[in-house]
C-alpha cells in the first residue's frame, strides 16, 4: 500500500494504524523529511566509518583513546546543569511503548521510564505508530487501557516516572516512510515524530523532550545527534538546550570516546549509561576475528566483576562526574516468578548485590525491567544517597583506566561449554520467535530479554565457530555441531507446552544464518526486519 501525503516528497507505505492520523500529520511528516534531508547523508558516511574502524580493530587487536581529541580530555568544561525533572534518577524502569507498559511504568515508583522504541520493540509498522500514540497520551497523562476485564490507568497517589524515549540506532532505516524515494533513517522517524508532537507539551508540564541514544560508536555520531537537536529546536521554536539526552555506552569504540561524546552533547547532555549487555555483544563483534585472547567463556559466566567490564563501568562513573554528568547503571532483567518463591528470592539477592555495587561505585541510578524490582534498586541507592538526589560530588579521582584495561578480556574466568552453546541457541531462538511475533521484550527463563540477548548468543557462537574453539568436553565447535544443537532446540520447543511455534521455522533459519554464515551480519534485527510487516 502506498499513499502520498500532502508533505512534499514523502510517501507513507505502511497501512492504517488506529489513531495514526493524529501522529502522521502532513506537518509532522514534513518535519521528519527536513531532518532526513539535512542529516541522512551524514548518517550514511558515519556508518561507513564504523566499518573502517572495525576492520582496523580486527586487524590490530587494538583500540585506543584518540590522539586528535586529547585537548578535549585535558581541558576544563562541564555539561549543562540538569533540569529539575532529571536531577534524581536513582531508579529507572525500561520497557517498550505498548499501552499496558506505559501505564505500569509511569505508576511504578521509578524516577524515569526508558520508553523503548529500539531493542525492546519489534519495529512492526503498527508498533512504530501506536508507540507514538501511547507516548502522546503518556505525556498528557491521558493513557489508560481496558484489557481482559482489567483496567489500567494512572494513579494519582504516586509521582509518575519521567519518560525518556529511546529511538532506534543510527544503523536502522524505516522502510515504511520514504523521503524523495528513499527510506528514512529510523532514528529520525522516532525522534522527529515524538519531538514534533510532545516537546512543547512536555516543557509546559515541567519535563521536556528527553531521550536515550543507543548504539553510538564515536563522538562524531554524537555530534550528528547534537546537530539534529539544534535544528529541531530551532524549527519548532523550542528553546535551545531543552533537549536532554543520555547516551548508552554500549559499544566498545564508544568506551574510548566517553568524554568526547559528552563534550559534543554538552548543552544537551543528561549523562551516560552502562549498557552492559550490548557492550558485551560489541566486544565480541569488534574483535571476533582478532585472536583467541578475545574469545570469551559462556555468556552466563561473564559478570560485571570481570576485569574488562569493571574497567568500563569505573571509567564511565569517573568520566561522567568529572564533567558534571549523570552515570546510570546497567539492567537488572529478572522477572519475579510468583509460582516459584525460591527462584525469586535468589534473583532478588543478586539484584541487591548488583545495585549495591553500582551505588557504592558512584552511579547516580540504575535500571530495572519489572515494577516489582523498583523497590530493590531504590533501597540500595537510598542507602547510599540518603536525601541527596545524586552522587555528582563523587569524582572518583582514584580510578585510572588504560586502553589495556578496557581490552583485558583474556583474564575473564569461566569455561566454554556445550551447555553454554545449548543455552545460547535456546535463548536466541526463543527471542527471535518473540521478536518476529511483534514482541521485542520477551520473558525468557524468568528474565526480561531484548535484542541484546540474542545478539550476544549468536555472535558468541559465530566467534567460537570461526576460531575453532574446543569446548570443555573436548568437542570442537563446528557448523555441524551448531546445526545439531539448533535441530535439538527446535524439536524441544515444538514439544514444549504453550510455546508459540508459528514463527519457529523462520527463527531457526535466521539464527543459523547470523550464527554460522561466513560473513558476520552486523545486527540480526536487520535481516529479521525484512521478514515482518
Protein backbone atom coordinates (compact mmCIF):
# COMPACT_ATOMS: atom_id res chain seq x y z
CA UNK A 1 0.00 0.00 0.00
CA UNK A 2 1.29 3.44 -0.87
CA UNK A 3 -0.32 6.75 -0.18
CA UNK A 4 1.34 10.04 -0.99
CA UNK A 5 0.84 12.57 1.78
CA UNK A 6 0.45 16.32 1.44
CA UNK A 7 4.01 16.58 2.79
CA UNK A 8 6.06 17.14 -0.35
CA UNK A 9 8.26 14.22 -1.36
CA UNK A 10 7.01 11.97 1.46
CA UNK A 11 5.34 8.60 0.95
CA UNK A 12 3.85 6.50 3.71
CA UNK A 13 3.88 2.84 2.66
CA UNK A 14 2.52 1.42 5.91
CA UNK A 15 -1.14 0.66 6.33
CA UNK A 16 -3.59 2.43 8.62
CA UNK A 17 -2.99 2.24 12.38
CA UNK A 18 -5.58 3.22 14.99
CA UNK A 19 -5.23 6.98 15.65
CA UNK A 20 -2.24 7.01 13.33
CA UNK A 21 -3.62 10.05 11.54
CA UNK A 22 -3.06 12.02 14.76
CA UNK A 23 0.66 11.22 14.55
CA UNK A 24 1.34 11.05 10.81
CA UNK A 25 0.10 14.54 10.07
CA UNK A 26 1.40 16.39 7.00
CA UNK A 27 3.20 18.84 9.28
CA UNK A 28 4.87 16.09 11.33
CA UNK A 29 5.93 14.17 8.22
CA UNK A 30 7.30 17.34 6.66
CA UNK A 31 9.36 17.92 9.82
CA UNK A 32 10.76 14.37 9.63
CA UNK A 33 11.51 14.90 5.94
CA UNK A 34 13.51 18.05 6.68
CA UNK A 35 15.57 16.15 9.25
CA UNK A 36 16.20 13.36 6.74
CA UNK A 37 17.30 15.78 4.02
CA UNK A 38 19.60 17.60 6.41
CA UNK A 39 21.24 14.61 8.08
CA UNK A 40 20.62 11.38 6.15
CA UNK A 41 23.79 11.60 4.05
CA UNK A 42 25.96 12.28 7.10
CA UNK A 43 24.47 9.23 8.79
CA UNK A 44 25.50 7.14 5.79
CA UNK A 45 29.07 8.43 5.95
CA UNK A 46 29.33 7.65 9.66
CA UNK A 47 28.11 4.09 9.15
CA UNK A 48 30.85 3.61 6.54
CA UNK A 49 33.36 4.98 9.03
CA UNK A 50 32.26 2.36 11.57
CA UNK A 51 33.21 -0.40 9.18
CA UNK A 52 36.66 1.08 8.54
CA UNK A 53 37.35 1.35 12.27
CA UNK A 54 36.12 -2.18 12.94
CA UNK A 55 38.37 -3.57 10.20
CA UNK A 56 41.34 -1.82 11.79
CA UNK A 57 40.46 -3.12 15.28
CA UNK A 58 40.11 -6.67 13.98
CA UNK A 59 43.45 -6.44 12.15
CA UNK A 60 45.43 -4.97 15.06
CA UNK A 61 43.52 -6.30 18.08
CA UNK A 62 43.64 -2.75 19.44
CA UNK A 63 41.58 0.33 20.14
CA UNK A 64 42.90 3.41 21.90
CA UNK A 65 41.94 6.84 23.12
CA UNK A 66 42.06 9.35 20.26
CA UNK A 67 45.15 11.50 19.98
CA UNK A 68 43.31 14.13 17.93
CA UNK A 69 40.84 14.78 20.78
CA UNK A 70 43.35 14.80 23.63
CA UNK A 71 42.72 18.55 24.10
CA UNK A 72 39.07 17.81 24.94
CA UNK A 73 40.01 15.24 27.57
CA UNK A 74 42.61 17.54 29.10
CA UNK A 75 40.64 20.83 29.07
CA UNK A 76 38.20 22.15 31.65
CA UNK A 77 34.50 22.03 30.74
CA UNK A 78 31.19 20.81 32.14
CA UNK A 79 27.91 19.66 30.65
CA UNK A 80 24.85 21.83 31.24
CA UNK A 81 23.16 21.50 34.62
CA UNK A 82 20.29 19.02 34.62
CA UNK A 83 16.71 20.33 34.62
CA UNK A 84 14.78 19.70 37.86
CA UNK A 85 12.88 16.71 36.42
CA UNK A 86 16.13 14.82 35.82
CA UNK A 87 18.18 15.57 38.94
CA UNK A 88 17.14 12.41 40.78
CA UNK A 89 17.36 9.25 38.67
CA UNK A 90 18.04 6.62 41.29
CA UNK A 91 15.66 4.08 39.71
CA UNK A 92 14.80 3.84 36.01
CA UNK A 93 12.43 1.26 34.56
CA UNK A 94 12.81 0.16 30.95
CA UNK A 95 10.28 -1.27 28.56
CA UNK A 96 8.51 -0.95 25.22
CA UNK A 97 5.91 1.68 24.41
CA UNK A 98 2.82 -0.53 24.39
CA UNK A 99 -0.10 0.90 26.33
CA UNK A 100 0.00 -1.51 29.28
CA UNK A 101 3.72 -0.94 29.80
CA UNK A 102 3.23 2.82 29.58
CA UNK A 103 0.72 2.81 32.44
CA UNK A 104 2.68 0.35 34.57
CA UNK A 105 5.97 2.20 34.05
CA UNK A 106 4.53 5.61 34.91
CA UNK A 107 2.93 4.12 38.04
CA UNK A 108 5.94 2.02 39.05
CA UNK A 109 7.59 4.38 41.53
CA UNK A 110 10.67 4.67 39.33
CA UNK A 111 12.00 8.15 38.67
CA UNK A 112 12.41 7.56 34.92
CA UNK A 113 10.76 5.38 32.30
CA UNK A 114 13.03 4.46 29.40
CA UNK A 115 10.31 4.33 26.76
CA UNK A 116 11.91 1.99 24.29
CA UNK A 117 11.39 2.27 20.54
CA UNK A 118 14.60 0.31 19.99
CA UNK A 119 15.78 -3.08 21.31
CA UNK A 120 12.65 -3.86 23.35
CA UNK A 121 10.38 -3.09 20.41
CA UNK A 122 9.80 -5.06 17.23
CA UNK A 123 9.53 -2.33 14.55
CA UNK A 124 6.33 -3.61 13.00
CA UNK A 125 4.66 -0.61 11.40
CA UNK A 126 1.81 -0.90 13.90
CA UNK A 127 4.29 -0.82 16.81
CA UNK A 128 6.16 2.18 15.37
CA UNK A 129 3.00 4.29 15.06
CA UNK A 130 0.99 3.03 18.04
CA UNK A 131 4.04 3.57 20.24
CA UNK A 132 3.97 7.24 19.28
CA UNK A 133 0.22 7.36 20.06
CA UNK A 134 0.89 5.92 23.52
CA UNK A 135 3.74 8.38 24.15
CA UNK A 136 1.50 11.25 23.07
CA UNK A 137 -1.08 10.16 25.66
CA UNK A 138 1.53 9.45 28.33
CA UNK A 139 2.94 12.97 28.13
CA UNK A 140 -0.59 14.36 28.53
CA UNK A 141 -1.39 11.95 31.40
CA UNK A 142 -4.33 10.51 29.45
CA UNK A 143 -3.05 6.99 28.88
CA UNK A 144 -5.26 4.13 30.08
CA UNK A 145 -6.28 0.65 28.94
CA UNK A 146 -9.05 -1.89 29.42
CA UNK A 147 -7.72 -5.39 28.72
CA UNK A 148 -9.22 -8.78 29.57
CA UNK A 149 -11.58 -7.20 32.04
CA UNK A 150 -8.80 -5.32 33.83
CA UNK A 151 -8.43 -1.56 33.81
CA UNK A 152 -5.01 0.11 33.70
CA UNK A 153 -4.92 3.81 34.47
CA UNK A 154 -2.57 6.35 36.01
CA UNK A 155 -2.59 6.54 39.78
CA UNK A 156 -2.88 9.92 41.43
CA UNK A 157 -1.07 8.86 44.62
CA UNK A 158 2.39 8.34 43.09
CA UNK A 159 4.92 10.55 41.34
CA UNK A 160 4.85 9.43 37.72
CA UNK A 161 8.10 8.38 36.09
CA UNK A 162 9.57 10.86 33.59
CA UNK A 163 9.65 9.40 30.05
CA UNK A 164 12.99 9.25 28.25
CA UNK A 165 12.45 7.98 24.73
CA UNK A 166 14.98 5.65 23.11
CA UNK A 167 14.83 5.93 19.29
CA UNK A 168 16.36 3.29 17.07
CA UNK A 169 20.11 3.28 16.44
CA UNK A 170 21.72 5.05 13.51
CA UNK A 171 22.03 1.78 11.56
CA UNK A 172 18.29 1.20 11.12
CA UNK A 173 16.12 2.53 8.28
CA UNK A 174 12.31 2.82 8.42
CA UNK A 175 11.14 1.29 5.16
CA UNK A 176 7.50 2.36 5.59
CA UNK A 177 8.29 6.08 5.16
CA UNK A 178 10.08 7.29 2.05
CA UNK A 179 11.52 10.77 1.53
CA UNK A 180 12.40 11.56 -2.06
CA UNK A 181 12.07 7.85 -2.81
CA UNK A 182 14.44 6.59 -0.10
CA UNK A 183 13.70 5.06 3.33
CA UNK A 184 14.06 7.48 6.22
CA UNK A 185 16.61 6.85 8.98
CA UNK A 186 14.62 5.11 11.71
CA UNK A 187 16.18 7.23 14.45
CA UNK A 188 14.93 10.40 12.73
CA UNK A 189 11.42 8.96 12.43
CA UNK A 190 11.30 8.02 16.13
CA UNK A 191 12.89 11.24 17.34
CA UNK A 192 11.11 13.51 14.87
CA UNK A 193 7.56 12.32 15.47
CA UNK A 194 7.99 12.35 19.25
CA UNK A 195 9.68 15.75 19.32
CA UNK A 196 7.17 17.33 16.94
CA UNK A 197 4.15 16.30 18.99
CA UNK A 198 5.46 16.43 22.55
CA UNK A 199 8.40 18.81 23.04
CA UNK A 200 6.35 21.91 23.82
CA UNK A 201 3.76 19.98 25.83
CA UNK A 202 6.42 18.29 27.94
CA UNK A 203 8.08 21.62 28.73
CA UNK A 204 4.73 23.08 29.67
CA UNK A 205 4.24 20.23 32.14
CA UNK A 206 7.67 20.59 33.77
CA UNK A 207 9.55 17.88 31.90
CA UNK A 208 10.76 18.12 28.32
CA UNK A 209 11.99 16.30 25.24
CA UNK A 210 14.29 13.78 26.93
CA UNK A 211 15.99 10.88 25.15
CA UNK A 212 18.25 7.85 25.43
CA UNK A 213 20.62 7.47 22.47
CA UNK A 214 21.70 3.89 21.61
CA UNK A 215 24.41 2.09 19.67
CA UNK A 216 26.74 5.03 19.02
CA UNK A 217 30.36 4.23 18.20
CA UNK A 218 32.01 7.66 18.08
CA UNK A 219 31.83 11.29 19.15
CA UNK A 220 31.11 12.18 15.52
CA UNK A 221 27.85 10.27 15.81
CA UNK A 222 27.09 12.24 18.97
CA UNK A 223 27.86 15.44 17.05
CA UNK A 224 25.30 14.40 14.46
CA UNK A 225 22.66 13.93 17.16
CA UNK A 226 23.54 17.32 18.62
CA UNK A 227 23.07 18.98 15.23
CA UNK A 228 19.70 17.23 14.90
CA UNK A 229 18.66 18.65 18.28
CA UNK A 230 19.76 22.18 17.37
CA UNK A 231 17.85 22.16 14.08
CA UNK A 232 14.74 20.56 15.61
CA UNK A 233 14.57 23.13 18.43
CA UNK A 234 15.16 25.99 16.02
CA UNK A 235 12.49 24.90 13.56
CA UNK A 236 9.77 24.42 16.18
CA UNK A 237 10.64 27.39 18.37
CA UNK A 238 11.73 25.21 21.29
CA UNK A 239 14.39 26.90 23.46
CA UNK A 240 17.90 25.65 22.72
CA UNK A 241 19.09 23.24 25.39
CA UNK A 242 15.60 21.90 26.08
CA UNK A 243 16.50 18.51 24.65
CA UNK A 244 18.40 16.31 27.11
CA UNK A 245 19.97 13.05 26.03
CA UNK A 246 21.60 10.21 27.93
CA UNK A 247 23.97 8.18 25.78
CA UNK A 248 24.22 4.43 26.20
CA UNK A 249 27.86 3.43 26.23
CA UNK A 250 27.11 0.02 24.80
CA UNK A 251 29.80 -0.32 22.16
CA UNK A 252 33.48 -0.73 22.90
CA UNK A 253 34.57 2.00 20.44
CA UNK A 254 32.37 4.46 22.37
CA UNK A 255 34.06 3.47 25.65
CA UNK A 256 37.23 5.08 24.29
CA UNK A 257 35.36 8.33 23.48
CA UNK A 258 33.16 8.92 26.53
CA UNK A 259 34.49 12.38 27.28
CA UNK A 260 34.29 13.42 23.64
CA UNK A 261 30.68 12.17 23.43
CA UNK A 262 29.73 14.23 26.48
CA UNK A 263 31.56 17.21 25.00
CA UNK A 264 29.68 17.06 21.70
CA UNK A 265 26.34 16.93 23.53
CA UNK A 266 27.31 19.14 26.44
CA UNK A 267 24.41 21.63 26.03
CA UNK A 268 22.00 18.71 25.66
CA UNK A 269 23.67 16.04 27.80
CA UNK A 270 21.95 14.15 30.59
CA UNK A 271 24.79 11.70 31.15
CA UNK A 272 25.90 8.23 30.15
CA UNK A 273 24.53 4.76 30.81
CA UNK A 274 26.41 1.47 31.14
CA UNK A 275 24.50 -0.55 28.53
CA UNK A 276 26.32 -3.65 29.57
CA UNK A 277 24.70 -6.45 27.53
CA UNK A 278 25.05 -4.67 24.21
CA UNK A 279 28.56 -3.72 25.31
CA UNK A 280 29.42 -7.39 25.66
CA UNK A 281 27.98 -8.01 22.19
CA UNK A 282 30.09 -5.16 20.82
CA UNK A 283 33.29 -6.55 22.36
CA UNK A 284 32.65 -9.90 20.68
CA UNK A 285 31.62 -8.31 17.37
CA UNK A 286 34.52 -5.86 17.18
CA UNK A 287 37.23 -8.41 17.99
CA UNK A 288 35.53 -11.52 16.61
CA UNK A 289 38.47 -12.33 14.36
CA UNK A 290 41.28 -10.68 16.34
CA UNK A 291 42.64 -13.76 18.08
CA UNK A 292 41.97 -16.21 20.89
CA UNK A 293 42.53 -13.66 23.68
CA UNK A 294 39.19 -12.06 22.74
CA UNK A 295 37.21 -15.32 22.85
CA UNK A 296 35.02 -15.18 25.94
CA UNK A 297 33.60 -18.07 28.01
CA UNK A 298 29.89 -18.91 28.33
CA UNK A 299 27.75 -15.77 28.40
CA UNK A 300 26.33 -16.52 31.85
CA UNK A 301 29.82 -16.64 33.37
CA UNK A 302 30.79 -13.16 32.11
CA UNK A 303 29.66 -10.97 35.00
CA UNK A 304 30.14 -7.32 35.86
CA UNK A 305 33.09 -8.29 38.06
CA UNK A 306 35.11 -9.43 35.02
CA UNK A 307 38.11 -7.10 34.83
CA UNK A 308 37.32 -5.60 31.40
CA UNK A 309 33.70 -4.94 32.40
CA UNK A 310 34.77 -3.47 35.74
CA UNK A 311 37.21 -1.13 33.95
CA UNK A 312 34.44 0.08 31.65
CA UNK A 313 31.96 0.91 34.41
CA UNK A 314 34.55 2.52 36.68
CA UNK A 315 35.75 4.73 33.82
CA UNK A 316 32.17 5.68 33.00
CA UNK A 317 31.46 6.95 36.53
CA UNK A 318 34.72 8.88 36.71
CA UNK A 319 34.19 10.43 33.27
CA UNK A 320 30.62 11.49 33.96
CA UNK A 321 31.25 13.04 37.37
CA UNK A 322 34.38 14.81 36.17
CA UNK A 323 32.13 16.62 33.67
CA UNK A 324 29.03 17.10 35.85
CA UNK A 325 27.04 14.40 34.05
CA UNK A 326 24.97 11.55 35.46
CA UNK A 327 26.24 7.97 35.43
CA UNK A 328 23.41 5.43 35.15
CA UNK A 329 23.99 1.75 35.84
CA UNK A 330 23.00 -1.39 33.96
CA UNK A 331 19.93 -3.55 33.64
CA UNK A 332 18.52 -5.90 36.25
CA UNK A 333 16.50 -8.06 33.88
CA UNK A 334 14.93 -10.51 36.36
CA UNK A 335 11.14 -11.03 36.31
CA UNK A 336 9.71 -12.20 39.65
CA UNK A 337 8.05 -15.62 39.48
CA UNK A 338 5.16 -15.78 41.92
CA UNK A 339 4.90 -19.56 41.41
CA UNK A 340 8.49 -20.15 42.50
CA UNK A 341 9.40 -18.09 45.58
CA UNK A 342 12.85 -19.69 45.87
CA UNK A 343 13.86 -18.63 42.35
CA UNK A 344 12.53 -15.15 43.06
CA UNK A 345 14.42 -14.89 46.34
CA UNK A 346 17.73 -15.93 44.78
CA UNK A 347 17.29 -13.47 41.94
CA UNK A 348 16.34 -10.59 44.23
CA UNK A 349 19.50 -11.25 46.25
CA UNK A 350 21.54 -10.93 43.04
CA UNK A 351 19.79 -7.66 42.16
CA UNK A 352 20.51 -6.30 45.65
CA UNK A 353 24.19 -7.18 45.22
CA UNK A 354 24.35 -5.67 41.73
CA UNK A 355 22.66 -2.39 42.69
CA UNK A 356 24.62 -2.12 45.93
CA UNK A 357 27.86 -2.40 43.97
CA UNK A 358 26.72 0.26 41.49
CA UNK A 359 25.57 2.65 44.22
CA UNK A 360 28.84 2.24 46.11
CA UNK A 361 30.82 2.72 42.88
CA UNK A 362 29.24 6.16 42.46
CA UNK A 363 26.46 5.59 39.95
CA UNK A 364 23.57 8.02 40.26
CA UNK A 365 20.90 5.45 39.47
CA UNK A 366 20.28 2.21 37.65
CA UNK A 367 17.85 0.17 35.55
CA UNK A 368 15.26 -2.47 36.30
CA UNK A 369 12.92 -4.28 33.90
CA UNK A 370 9.93 -5.04 36.15
CA UNK A 371 7.85 -2.88 38.53
CA UNK A 372 8.30 -5.42 41.34
CA UNK A 373 12.07 -4.80 41.35
CA UNK A 374 11.87 -0.99 41.56
CA UNK A 375 11.89 -1.13 45.37
CA UNK A 376 15.04 -3.29 45.41
CA UNK A 377 17.02 -0.80 43.33
CA UNK A 378 15.59 2.12 45.29
CA UNK A 379 16.56 0.55 48.61
CA UNK A 380 20.20 0.19 47.60
CA UNK A 381 20.50 3.70 46.17
CA UNK A 382 18.61 5.22 49.10
CA UNK A 383 21.16 3.62 51.44
CA UNK A 384 23.98 5.49 49.70
CA UNK A 385 22.24 8.68 48.57
CA UNK A 386 20.02 9.36 51.55
CA UNK A 387 18.34 12.69 50.86
CA UNK A 388 20.80 13.62 48.09
CA UNK A 389 19.41 13.39 44.54
CA UNK A 390 22.63 12.06 43.02
CA UNK A 391 26.36 11.47 43.56
CA UNK A 392 27.82 14.08 41.20
CA UNK A 393 30.10 15.15 44.05
CA UNK A 394 31.90 11.76 43.99
CA UNK A 395 34.58 12.45 41.41
CA UNK A 396 36.25 9.02 41.61
CA UNK A 397 39.72 10.51 41.14
CA UNK A 398 41.03 7.17 42.44
CA UNK A 399 40.06 5.49 39.16
CA UNK A 400 42.69 5.12 36.46
CA UNK A 401 41.76 3.02 33.43
CA UNK A 402 44.02 2.36 30.47
CA UNK A 403 43.26 1.09 26.99
CA UNK A 404 44.77 -2.25 28.01
CA UNK A 405 42.35 -2.45 30.96
CA UNK A 406 39.34 -1.98 28.67
CA UNK A 407 40.65 -4.69 26.34
CA UNK A 408 41.65 -7.20 29.01
CA UNK A 409 39.21 -9.92 28.01
CA UNK A 410 41.82 -12.69 28.30
CA UNK A 411 41.62 -12.78 32.11
CA UNK A 412 37.85 -13.41 32.17
CA UNK A 413 37.25 -16.57 34.22
CA UNK A 414 34.94 -19.33 33.03
CA UNK A 415 34.69 -22.22 30.60
CA UNK A 416 33.36 -22.66 27.09
CA UNK A 417 30.88 -25.49 27.42
CA UNK A 418 28.35 -27.48 25.41
CA UNK A 419 25.78 -26.37 27.98
CA UNK A 420 26.70 -22.77 27.21
CA UNK A 421 26.30 -23.43 23.49
CA UNK A 422 22.89 -25.04 24.03
CA UNK A 423 21.81 -22.14 26.25
CA UNK A 424 22.87 -19.59 23.64
CA UNK A 425 20.89 -21.34 20.92
CA UNK A 426 17.84 -21.81 23.15
CA UNK A 427 17.65 -18.20 24.31
CA UNK A 428 18.49 -16.81 20.88
CA UNK A 429 15.82 -18.80 19.06
CA UNK A 430 13.19 -18.11 21.74
CA UNK A 431 13.89 -14.39 21.48
CA UNK A 432 13.72 -14.29 17.67
CA UNK A 433 10.38 -16.15 17.76
CA UNK A 434 9.06 -13.45 20.09
CA UNK A 435 10.56 -10.61 18.01
CA UNK A 436 9.08 -11.89 14.75
CA UNK A 437 5.72 -12.16 16.53
CA UNK A 438 5.81 -8.48 17.41
CA UNK A 439 7.14 -8.57 20.98
CA UNK A 440 10.68 -7.23 21.37
CA UNK A 441 10.63 -7.50 25.19
CA UNK A 442 10.43 -11.22 25.83
CA UNK A 443 10.16 -13.02 29.15
CA UNK A 444 12.57 -15.98 28.86
CA UNK A 445 13.50 -18.19 31.83
CA UNK A 446 12.44 -15.50 34.35
CA UNK A 447 14.45 -12.79 32.56
CA UNK A 448 13.18 -9.86 30.51
CA UNK A 449 15.27 -10.08 27.36
CA UNK A 450 15.67 -7.65 24.49
CA UNK A 451 17.63 -7.88 21.25
CA UNK A 452 20.99 -7.65 23.04
CA UNK A 453 20.49 -11.16 24.44
CA UNK A 454 20.09 -12.75 21.03
CA UNK A 455 22.97 -10.67 19.67
CA UNK A 456 25.36 -11.92 22.38
CA UNK A 457 24.19 -15.50 21.86
CA UNK A 458 24.63 -15.68 18.09
CA UNK A 459 27.83 -13.57 17.98
CA UNK A 460 29.48 -15.75 20.59
CA UNK A 461 28.61 -18.88 18.65
CA UNK A 462 29.98 -17.26 15.47
CA UNK A 463 33.20 -16.38 17.28
CA UNK A 464 33.62 -19.85 18.78
CA UNK A 465 32.92 -21.45 15.41
CA UNK A 466 35.28 -19.27 13.38
CA UNK A 467 38.08 -19.56 15.93
CA UNK A 468 37.93 -23.35 16.11
CA UNK A 469 37.16 -23.37 19.83
CA UNK A 470 37.29 -26.70 21.66
CA UNK A 471 34.69 -26.97 24.43
CA UNK A 472 35.39 -28.21 27.94
CA UNK A 473 34.19 -31.73 27.00
CA UNK A 474 36.68 -31.94 24.11
CA UNK A 475 34.24 -31.24 21.26
CA UNK A 476 35.25 -28.65 18.68
CA UNK A 477 32.60 -26.12 17.71
CA UNK A 478 31.75 -26.84 14.08
CA UNK A 479 28.89 -25.95 11.77
CA UNK A 480 27.58 -29.49 12.14
CA UNK A 481 27.58 -29.22 15.94
CA UNK A 482 25.77 -25.87 15.89
CA UNK A 483 23.20 -27.19 13.42
CA UNK A 484 22.67 -30.29 15.56
CA UNK A 485 22.07 -28.15 18.65
CA UNK A 486 19.69 -26.00 16.59
CA UNK A 487 17.76 -29.08 15.49
CA UNK A 488 17.58 -30.38 19.07
CA UNK A 489 16.37 -26.96 20.25
CA UNK A 490 13.67 -26.78 17.58
CA UNK A 491 12.45 -30.26 18.49
CA UNK A 492 12.35 -29.36 22.18
CA UNK A 493 10.47 -26.11 21.58
CA UNK A 494 7.89 -27.83 19.39
CA UNK A 495 7.23 -30.25 22.25
CA UNK A 496 7.07 -27.53 24.91
CA UNK A 497 3.53 -26.95 26.08
CA UNK A 498 2.27 -23.49 25.16
CA UNK A 499 5.29 -22.42 23.13
CA UNK A 500 4.20 -20.41 20.05
CA UNK A 501 5.58 -22.27 17.03
CA UNK A 502 4.12 -20.05 14.30
CA UNK A 503 7.45 -18.29 13.65
CA UNK A 504 9.76 -21.09 14.81
CA UNK A 505 10.86 -22.21 11.33
CA UNK A 506 11.84 -18.67 10.38
CA UNK A 507 13.55 -18.08 13.73
CA UNK A 508 15.71 -21.21 13.42
CA UNK A 509 16.64 -20.32 9.84
CA UNK A 510 17.52 -16.75 10.80
CA UNK A 511 19.54 -17.79 13.85
CA UNK A 512 21.56 -20.22 11.75
CA UNK A 513 22.20 -17.50 9.19
CA UNK A 514 23.54 -14.97 11.70
CA UNK A 515 25.46 -17.52 13.83
CA UNK A 516 27.04 -19.76 11.19
CA UNK A 517 27.44 -17.82 7.92
CA UNK A 518 30.99 -16.98 6.85
CA UNK A 519 30.16 -13.27 6.69
CA UNK A 520 29.19 -11.75 10.04
CA UNK A 521 25.89 -9.83 9.97
CA UNK A 522 26.27 -6.58 11.93
CA UNK A 523 22.80 -6.65 13.53
CA UNK A 524 20.47 -9.63 13.41
CA UNK A 525 17.48 -7.26 13.54
CA UNK A 526 18.30 -6.06 10.02
CA UNK A 527 17.63 -9.40 8.25
CA UNK A 528 14.82 -10.03 10.74
CA UNK A 529 13.22 -6.70 9.72
CA UNK A 530 12.95 -8.00 6.15
CA UNK A 531 10.59 -10.70 7.42
CA UNK A 532 7.98 -8.55 9.15
CA UNK A 533 5.27 -6.11 8.04
